[in-house]
PDB file of N, CA and C in Angstrom:
ATOM      1  N   UNK A   1    -128.925 179.688 214.266  1.00  0.00           N
ATOM      2  CA  UNK A   1    -129.705 180.777 215.036  1.00  0.00           C
ATOM      3  C   UNK A   1    -129.794 182.038 214.034  1.00  0.00           C
ATOM      4  N   UNK A   2    -128.568 182.400 213.256  1.00  0.00           N
ATOM      5  CA  UNK A   2    -128.652 183.287 212.616  1.00  0.00           C
ATOM      6  C   UNK A   2    -129.621 183.251 211.329  1.00  0.00           C
ATOM      7  N   UNK A   3    -129.889 182.186 210.989  1.00  0.00           N
ATOM      8  CA  UNK A   3    -131.005 181.943 209.907  1.00  0.00           C
ATOM      9  C   UNK A   3    -132.390 182.325 210.425  1.00  0.00           C
ATOM     10  N   UNK A   4    -132.717 182.497 211.743  1.00  0.00           N
ATOM     11  CA  UNK A   4    -134.080 182.783 212.480  1.00  0.00           C
ATOM     12  C   UNK A   4    -134.202 184.237 212.503  1.00  0.00           C
ATOM     13  N   UNK A   5    -133.220 184.864 212.422  1.00  0.00           N
ATOM     14  CA  UNK A   5    -133.307 186.429 212.512  1.00  0.00           C
ATOM     15  C   UNK A   5    -134.402 187.107 211.603  1.00  0.00           C
ATOM     16  N   UNK A   6    -134.620 186.746 210.487  1.00  0.00           N
ATOM     17  CA  UNK A   6    -135.513 187.151 209.547  1.00  0.00           C
ATOM     18  C   UNK A   6    -136.919 186.428 209.715  1.00  0.00           C
ATOM     19  N   UNK A   7    -137.058 185.575 210.388  1.00  0.00           N
ATOM     20  CA  UNK A   7    -138.217 185.025 210.610  1.00  0.00           C
ATOM     21  C   UNK A   7    -139.289 185.623 211.311  1.00  0.00           C
ATOM     22  N   UNK A   8    -140.513 185.472 210.983  1.00  0.00           N
ATOM     23  CA  UNK A   8    -141.708 186.047 211.763  1.00  0.00           C
ATOM     24  C   UNK A   8    -141.612 185.154 213.178  1.00  0.00           C
ATOM     25  N   UNK A   9    -142.343 185.642 214.308  1.00  0.00           N
ATOM     26  CA  UNK A   9    -142.351 184.976 215.446  1.00  0.00           C
ATOM     27  C   UNK A   9    -142.953 183.682 215.499  1.00  0.00           C
ATOM     28  N   UNK A  10    -144.038 183.421 214.589  1.00  0.00           N
ATOM     29  CA  UNK A  10    -144.569 182.108 214.600  1.00  0.00           C
ATOM     30  C   UNK A  10    -143.930 181.056 213.724  1.00  0.00           C
ATOM     31  N   UNK A  11    -142.825 181.653 213.137  1.00  0.00           N
ATOM     32  CA  UNK A  11    -142.000 180.761 212.318  1.00  0.00           C
ATOM     33  C   UNK A  11    -140.492 180.359 212.907  1.00  0.00           C
ATOM     34  N   UNK A  12    -140.264 180.916 213.945  1.00  0.00           N
ATOM     35  CA  UNK A  12    -138.920 180.731 214.774  1.00  0.00           C
ATOM     36  C   UNK A  12    -139.276 179.363 215.359  1.00  0.00           C
ATOM     37  N   UNK A  13    -137.974 178.649 215.556  1.00  0.00           N
ATOM     38  CA  UNK A  13    -137.776 177.416 216.162  1.00  0.00           C
ATOM     39  C   UNK A  13    -137.195 177.803 217.496  1.00  0.00           C
ATOM     40  N   UNK A  14    -137.651 177.279 218.670  1.00  0.00           N
ATOM     41  CA  UNK A  14    -137.085 177.522 220.012  1.00  0.00           C
ATOM     42  C   UNK A  14    -135.649 177.429 220.146  1.00  0.00           C
ATOM     43  N   UNK A  15    -134.964 178.368 220.883  1.00  0.00           N
ATOM     44  CA  UNK A  15    -133.439 178.101 220.750  1.00  0.00           C
ATOM     45  C   UNK A  15    -133.076 176.951 221.409  1.00  0.00           C
ATOM     46  N   UNK A  16    -133.791 176.667 222.376  1.00  0.00           N
ATOM     47  CA  UNK A  16    -133.425 175.331 223.085  1.00  0.00           C
ATOM     48  C   UNK A  16    -133.569 174.055 221.999  1.00  0.00           C
ATOM     49  N   UNK A  17    -134.392 173.985 221.243  1.00  0.00           N
ATOM     50  CA  UNK A  17    -134.350 173.095 220.216  1.00  0.00           C
ATOM     51  C   UNK A  17    -133.540 173.030 219.205  1.00  0.00           C
ATOM     52  N   UNK A  18    -133.032 174.251 218.743  1.00  0.00           N
ATOM     53  CA  UNK A  18    -131.870 174.404 217.735  1.00  0.00           C
ATOM     54  C   UNK A  18    -130.603 173.826 218.493  1.00  0.00           C
ATOM     55  N   UNK A  19    -130.447 174.206 219.653  1.00  0.00           N
ATOM     56  CA  UNK A  19    -129.101 174.028 220.218  1.00  0.00           C
ATOM     57  C   UNK A  19    -129.263 172.278 220.601  1.00  0.00           C
ATOM     58  N   UNK A  20    -130.302 171.596 220.816  1.00  0.00           N
ATOM     59  CA  UNK A  20    -130.305 170.461 221.186  1.00  0.00           C
ATOM     60  C   UNK A  20    -130.047 169.505 219.776  1.00  0.00           C
ATOM     61  N   UNK A  21    -130.700 170.121 218.884  1.00  0.00           N
ATOM     62  CA  UNK A  21    -130.741 169.213 217.406  1.00  0.00           C
ATOM     63  C   UNK A  21    -128.917 169.336 217.190  1.00  0.00           C
ATOM     64  N   UNK A  22    -128.210 170.446 217.440  1.00  0.00           N
ATOM     65  CA  UNK A  22    -126.945 170.684 216.798  1.00  0.00           C
ATOM     66  C   UNK A  22    -126.026 169.549 217.989  1.00  0.00           C
ATOM     67  N   UNK A  23    -126.285 169.565 219.295  1.00  0.00           N
ATOM     68  CA  UNK A  23    -125.660 168.717 219.964  1.00  0.00           C
ATOM     69  C   UNK A  23    -125.956 167.375 219.703  1.00  0.00           C
ATOM     70  N   UNK A  24    -127.102 166.890 219.203  1.00  0.00           N
ATOM     71  CA  UNK A  24    -127.225 165.696 218.963  1.00  0.00           C
ATOM     72  C   UNK A  24    -126.809 165.249 217.476  1.00  0.00           C
ATOM     73  N   UNK A  25    -126.516 166.285 216.692  1.00  0.00           N
ATOM     74  CA  UNK A  25    -125.857 165.907 215.357  1.00  0.00           C
ATOM     75  C   UNK A  25    -124.371 165.695 215.673  1.00  0.00           C
ATOM     76  N   UNK A  26    -123.547 166.470 216.665  1.00  0.00           N
ATOM     77  CA  UNK A  26    -122.530 166.392 216.854  1.00  0.00           C
ATOM     78  C   UNK A  26    -122.158 164.993 217.553  1.00  0.00           C
ATOM     79  N   UNK A  27    -123.068 164.534 218.573  1.00  0.00           N
ATOM     80  CA  UNK A  27    -122.928 163.443 219.115  1.00  0.00           C
ATOM     81  C   UNK A  27    -123.042 161.930 218.175  1.00  0.00           C
ATOM     82  N   UNK A  28    -123.884 162.350 217.061  1.00  0.00           N
ATOM     83  CA  UNK A  28    -124.300 161.183 216.396  1.00  0.00           C
ATOM     84  C   UNK A  28    -123.165 161.080 215.155  1.00  0.00           C
ATOM     85  N   UNK A  29    -122.536 162.187 215.015  1.00  0.00           N
ATOM     86  CA  UNK A  29    -121.390 162.214 213.763  1.00  0.00           C
ATOM     87  C   UNK A  29    -120.664 161.197 213.531  1.00  0.00           C
ATOM     88  N   UNK A  30    -119.820 160.935 214.638  1.00  0.00           N
ATOM     89  CA  UNK A  30    -118.650 159.834 214.380  1.00  0.00           C
ATOM     90  C   UNK A  30    -119.218 158.359 214.203  1.00  0.00           C
ATOM     91  N   UNK A  31    -120.500 158.171 214.582  1.00  0.00           N
ATOM     92  CA  UNK A  31    -121.181 157.042 214.218  1.00  0.00           C
ATOM     93  C   UNK A  31    -121.976 156.581 212.831  1.00  0.00           C
ATOM     94  N   UNK A  32    -121.746 157.638 212.146  1.00  0.00           N
ATOM     95  CA  UNK A  32    -122.630 157.845 210.859  1.00  0.00           C
ATOM     96  C   UNK A  32    -121.730 156.740 209.709  1.00  0.00           C
ATOM     97  N   UNK A  33    -120.608 156.728 209.761  1.00  0.00           N
ATOM     98  CA  UNK A  33    -120.036 155.581 208.917  1.00  0.00           C
ATOM     99  C   UNK A  33    -120.608 154.193 209.016  1.00  0.00           C
ATOM    100  N   UNK A  34    -120.731 153.865 210.349  1.00  0.00           N
ATOM    101  CA  UNK A  34    -121.165 152.551 210.770  1.00  0.00           C
ATOM    102  C   UNK A  34    -122.571 152.345 210.314  1.00  0.00           C
ATOM    103  N   UNK A  35    -123.399 153.533 209.827  1.00  0.00           N
ATOM    104  CA  UNK A  35    -124.703 153.307 209.646  1.00  0.00           C
ATOM    105  C   UNK A  35    -124.966 153.028 208.265  1.00  0.00           C
ATOM    106  N   UNK A  36    -123.998 153.035 207.445  1.00  0.00           N
ATOM    107  CA  UNK A  36    -123.864 152.511 206.032  1.00  0.00           C
ATOM    108  C   UNK A  36    -124.030 153.519 205.159  1.00  0.00           C
ATOM    109  N   UNK A  37    -124.071 154.840 205.416  1.00  0.00           N
ATOM    110  CA  UNK A  37    -124.013 156.003 204.324  1.00  0.00           C
ATOM    111  C   UNK A  37    -123.041 155.940 203.666  1.00  0.00           C
ATOM    112  N   UNK A  38    -123.169 156.121 202.050  1.00  0.00           N
ATOM    113  CA  UNK A  38    -122.078 156.266 201.166  1.00  0.00           C
ATOM    114  C   UNK A  38    -121.072 157.377 201.526  1.00  0.00           C
ATOM    115  N   UNK A  39    -121.858 158.591 201.835  1.00  0.00           N
ATOM    116  CA  UNK A  39    -120.927 159.771 202.233  1.00  0.00           C
ATOM    117  C   UNK A  39    -122.021 160.553 203.116  1.00  0.00           C
ATOM    118  N   UNK A  40    -121.245 161.444 203.710  1.00  0.00           N
ATOM    119  CA  UNK A  40    -121.869 162.226 204.761  1.00  0.00           C
ATOM    120  C   UNK A  40    -121.463 163.783 204.309  1.00  0.00           C
ATOM    121  N   UNK A  41    -122.478 164.929 204.124  1.00  0.00           N
ATOM    122  CA  UNK A  41    -122.026 166.209 203.673  1.00  0.00           C
ATOM    123  C   UNK A  41    -122.358 167.189 204.857  1.00  0.00           C
ATOM    124  N   UNK A  42    -121.312 167.835 205.232  1.00  0.00           N
ATOM    125  CA  UNK A  42    -121.391 168.650 206.301  1.00  0.00           C
ATOM    126  C   UNK A  42    -120.772 170.064 205.586  1.00  0.00           C
ATOM    127  N   UNK A  43    -121.621 170.976 205.927  1.00  0.00           N
ATOM    128  CA  UNK A  43    -121.139 172.183 205.341  1.00  0.00           C
ATOM    129  C   UNK A  43    -121.381 173.485 206.400  1.00  0.00           C
ATOM    130  N   UNK A  44    -120.307 174.208 206.274  1.00  0.00           N
ATOM    131  CA  UNK A  44    -120.299 175.472 207.503  1.00  0.00           C
ATOM    132  C   UNK A  44    -121.331 176.557 206.937  1.00  0.00           C
ATOM    133  N   UNK A  45    -121.867 176.503 205.928  1.00  0.00           N
ATOM    134  CA  UNK A  45    -122.851 177.526 205.404  1.00  0.00           C
ATOM    135  C   UNK A  45    -123.909 176.698 204.636  1.00  0.00           C
ATOM    136  N   UNK A  46    -125.173 176.921 205.267  1.00  0.00           N
ATOM    137  CA  UNK A  46    -126.369 176.340 204.751  1.00  0.00           C
ATOM    138  C   UNK A  46    -126.657 176.282 203.103  1.00  0.00           C
ATOM    139  N   UNK A  47    -126.204 177.572 202.795  1.00  0.00           N
ATOM    140  CA  UNK A  47    -126.332 177.788 201.287  1.00  0.00           C
ATOM    141  C   UNK A  47    -125.666 176.896 200.453  1.00  0.00           C
ATOM    142  N   UNK A  48    -124.587 176.295 201.100  1.00  0.00           N
ATOM    143  CA  UNK A  48    -123.843 175.210 200.236  1.00  0.00           C
ATOM    144  C   UNK A  48    -124.449 173.702 200.042  1.00  0.00           C
ATOM    145  N   UNK A  49    -125.740 173.721 201.011  1.00  0.00           N
ATOM    146  CA  UNK A  49    -126.414 172.581 200.887  1.00  0.00           C
ATOM    147  C   UNK A  49    -127.638 172.758 200.072  1.00  0.00           C
ATOM    148  N   UNK A  50    -128.004 174.192 199.701  1.00  0.00           N
ATOM    149  CA  UNK A  50    -129.216 174.272 199.116  1.00  0.00           C
ATOM    150  C   UNK A  50    -129.610 173.240 197.964  1.00  0.00           C
ATOM    151  N   UNK A  51    -128.642 172.883 197.084  1.00  0.00           N
ATOM    152  CA  UNK A  51    -129.194 172.071 195.889  1.00  0.00           C
ATOM    153  C   UNK A  51    -129.532 170.741 196.569  1.00  0.00           C
ATOM    154  N   UNK A  52    -129.068 170.360 197.801  1.00  0.00           N
ATOM    155  CA  UNK A  52    -129.438 168.901 198.331  1.00  0.00           C
ATOM    156  C   UNK A  52    -130.877 168.997 199.136  1.00  0.00           C
ATOM    157  N   UNK A  53    -131.221 170.151 199.443  1.00  0.00           N
ATOM    158  CA  UNK A  53    -132.510 170.222 199.959  1.00  0.00           C
ATOM    159  C   UNK A  53    -133.858 170.709 199.337  1.00  0.00           C
ATOM    160  N   UNK A  54    -133.608 170.480 197.877  1.00  0.00           N
ATOM    161  CA  UNK A  54    -134.861 170.902 196.956  1.00  0.00           C
ATOM    162  C   UNK A  54    -135.860 169.822 197.016  1.00  0.00           C
ATOM    163  N   UNK A  55    -137.145 170.106 197.287  1.00  0.00           N
ATOM    164  CA  UNK A  55    -138.128 169.061 197.416  1.00  0.00           C
ATOM    165  C   UNK A  55    -138.391 168.300 196.005  1.00  0.00           C
ATOM    166  N   UNK A  56    -138.717 167.028 196.136  1.00  0.00           N
ATOM    167  CA  UNK A  56    -138.939 166.134 194.886  1.00  0.00           C
ATOM    168  C   UNK A  56    -140.246 166.804 194.119  1.00  0.00           C
ATOM    169  N   UNK A  57    -140.074 166.801 192.767  1.00  0.00           N
ATOM    170  CA  UNK A  57    -141.424 167.219 192.006  1.00  0.00           C
ATOM    171  C   UNK A  57    -142.628 166.396 192.326  1.00  0.00           C
ATOM    172  N   UNK A  58    -143.757 166.985 192.539  1.00  0.00           N
ATOM    173  CA  UNK A  58    -144.867 166.342 192.908  1.00  0.00           C
ATOM    174  C   UNK A  58    -145.224 164.806 192.134  1.00  0.00           C
ATOM    175  N   UNK A  59    -144.865 165.082 190.862  1.00  0.00           N
ATOM    176  CA  UNK A  59    -145.437 164.016 189.846  1.00  0.00           C
ATOM    177  C   UNK A  59    -144.027 163.288 189.453  1.00  0.00           C
ATOM    178  N   UNK A  60    -143.042 163.352 190.260  1.00  0.00           N
ATOM    179  CA  UNK A  60    -141.599 162.810 189.791  1.00  0.00           C
ATOM    180  C   UNK A  60    -141.763 161.449 190.254  1.00  0.00           C
ATOM    181  N   UNK A  61    -140.577 160.658 189.902  1.00  0.00           N
ATOM    182  CA  UNK A  61    -140.580 159.148 190.024  1.00  0.00           C
ATOM    183  C   UNK A  61    -140.757 158.839 191.683  1.00  0.00           C
ATOM    184  N   UNK A  62    -141.152 157.732 191.894  1.00  0.00           N
ATOM    185  CA  UNK A  62    -141.565 157.338 193.335  1.00  0.00           C
ATOM    186  C   UNK A  62    -140.282 156.469 193.691  1.00  0.00           C
ATOM    187  N   UNK A  63    -139.723 156.670 194.997  1.00  0.00           N
ATOM    188  CA  UNK A  63    -138.709 155.645 195.340  1.00  0.00           C
ATOM    189  C   UNK A  63    -139.244 154.685 196.425  1.00  0.00           C
ATOM    190  N   UNK A  64    -138.539 153.453 196.452  1.00  0.00           N
ATOM    191  CA  UNK A  64    -139.111 152.344 197.406  1.00  0.00           C
ATOM    192  C   UNK A  64    -139.969 151.519 196.776  1.00  0.00           C
ATOM    193  N   UNK A  65    -140.500 150.669 197.594  1.00  0.00           N
ATOM    194  CA  UNK A  65    -141.286 149.658 197.051  1.00  0.00           C
ATOM    195  C   UNK A  65    -142.911 150.042 196.896  1.00  0.00           C
ATOM    196  N   UNK A  66    -143.455 149.275 196.324  1.00  0.00           N
ATOM    197  CA  UNK A  66    -145.063 149.526 196.027  1.00  0.00           C
ATOM    198  C   UNK A  66    -145.564 148.705 197.122  1.00  0.00           C
ATOM    199  N   UNK A  67    -146.816 149.154 197.766  1.00  0.00           N
ATOM    200  CA  UNK A  67    -147.740 148.244 198.543  1.00  0.00           C
ATOM    201  C   UNK A  67    -148.024 147.003 197.712  1.00  0.00           C
ATOM    202  N   UNK A  68    -147.691 145.976 198.517  1.00  0.00           N
ATOM    203  CA  UNK A  68    -148.134 144.583 198.156  1.00  0.00           C
ATOM    204  C   UNK A  68    -147.292 143.997 197.143  1.00  0.00           C
ATOM    205  N   UNK A  69    -145.845 144.443 197.168  1.00  0.00           N
ATOM    206  CA  UNK A  69    -144.994 143.915 196.270  1.00  0.00           C
ATOM    207  C   UNK A  69    -143.617 143.560 197.210  1.00  0.00           C
ATOM    208  N   UNK A  70    -143.209 142.253 197.237  1.00  0.00           N
ATOM    209  CA  UNK A  70    -141.970 141.983 198.067  1.00  0.00           C
ATOM    210  C   UNK A  70    -142.144 142.108 199.489  1.00  0.00           C
TER     211      UNK A  70
END
């Protein structure tokens, strides 16, 4: 909710949506290891996650299968 303070009104996420997303994450957290993730990153501060939240370069390598293969 603190991150929204500086956002313009048309860029804010409704508080109920933020709270619902947080509750869903808390509920799902204990089941994540069974989903096959190598590791789960949790940070009390969003800025610690900033390097993981960068967009892939537009002309970078594509991941996954190409259409028509396998």
